[in-house]
Amino acid sequence: MSKLLTLLIAAAFAATTAFAADAPKAAAPADKPAAAAAAPAAADAKADKKAKKAEKKAKKDDKKAAAPAK
């Protein structure tokens, strides 16, 4: 039983190391410029969202000001 358990652990270890060796190593540096390019786009999206929210609030305030007082 001990030999079987040892064999199963060794097989699992061999499978994980073989899988890790197949991973492309050149992809890691290529991801960084893509992430750097995405950061300004995310900042622009946040600015657009804030501008739309401010515009919506201004319209709501204008409607309140234009409504007759009760």
Protein backbone atom coordinates (compact mmCIF):
# COMPACT_ATOMS: atom_id res chain seq x y z
CA MET A 1 0.00 0.00 0.00
CA SER A 2 2.85 2.34 0.81
CA LYS A 3 4.41 1.76 -2.62
CA LEU A 4 1.09 2.55 -4.33
CA LEU A 5 0.71 5.78 -2.40
CA THR A 6 4.29 6.78 -3.22
CA LEU A 7 3.69 6.01 -6.88
CA LEU A 8 0.51 8.13 -6.96
CA ILE A 9 2.25 11.09 -5.32
CA ALA A 10 5.19 10.83 -7.71
CA ALA A 11 2.85 10.66 -10.71
CA ALA A 12 0.94 13.72 -9.54
CA PHE A 13 4.18 15.63 -9.03
CA ALA A 14 5.43 14.62 -12.48
CA ALA A 15 2.17 15.65 -14.11
CA THR A 16 2.17 19.09 -12.47
CA THR A 17 5.77 19.82 -13.38
CA ALA A 18 5.19 18.69 -16.97
CA PHE A 19 2.13 20.93 -17.21
CA ALA A 20 4.05 23.90 -15.80
CA ALA A 21 6.88 23.31 -18.28
CA ASP A 22 4.41 23.56 -21.19
CA ALA A 23 3.32 27.06 -20.19
CA PRO A 24 4.63 29.74 -22.59
CA LYS A 25 7.24 31.85 -20.86
CA ALA A 26 7.37 34.55 -23.54
CA ALA A 27 3.75 35.57 -22.88
CA ALA A 28 4.50 37.16 -19.50
CA PRO A 29 6.43 40.23 -20.77
CA ALA A 30 3.91 40.75 -23.57
CA ASP A 31 1.11 41.09 -21.01
CA LYS A 32 2.63 44.16 -19.35
CA PRO A 33 2.33 46.55 -22.33
CA ALA A 34 -1.26 45.44 -22.83
CA ALA A 35 -2.03 46.20 -19.19
CA ALA A 36 -0.29 49.57 -19.48
CA ALA A 37 -2.35 50.40 -22.56
CA ALA A 38 -5.56 49.40 -20.77
CA ALA A 39 -4.90 51.76 -17.84
CA PRO A 40 -5.52 55.00 -19.80
CA ALA A 41 -8.61 53.49 -21.36
CA ALA A 42 -9.95 52.65 -17.91
CA ALA A 43 -9.20 56.20 -16.72
CA ASP A 44 -11.04 57.62 -19.75
CA ALA A 45 -14.01 55.38 -19.03
CA LYS A 46 -14.12 56.62 -15.42
CA ALA A 47 -13.93 60.24 -16.57
CA ASP A 48 -16.76 59.67 -19.07
CA LYS A 49 -18.86 58.03 -16.38
CA LYS A 50 -18.30 60.96 -14.01
CA ALA A 51 -19.15 63.47 -16.74
CA LYS A 52 -22.39 61.66 -17.58
CA LYS A 53 -23.33 61.49 -13.91
CA ALA A 54 -22.67 65.23 -13.48
CA GLU A 55 -24.70 66.02 -16.62
CA LYS A 56 -27.60 63.91 -15.37
CA LYS A 57 -27.49 65.67 -12.00
CA ALA A 58 -27.45 69.08 -13.69
CA LYS A 59 -30.52 68.18 -15.76
CA LYS A 60 -32.32 66.98 -12.63
CA ASP A 61 -31.45 70.22 -10.82
CA ASP A 62 -32.68 72.25 -13.79
CA LYS A 63 -36.00 70.40 -13.73
CA LYS A 64 -36.36 71.10 -10.00
CA ALA A 65 -35.61 74.82 -10.53
CA ALA A 66 -38.08 75.05 -13.43
CA ALA A 67 -40.90 73.33 -11.55
CA PRO A 68 -43.41 75.72 -9.98
CA ALA A 69 -43.35 75.95 -6.20
CA LYS A 70 -46.34 74.41 -4.43
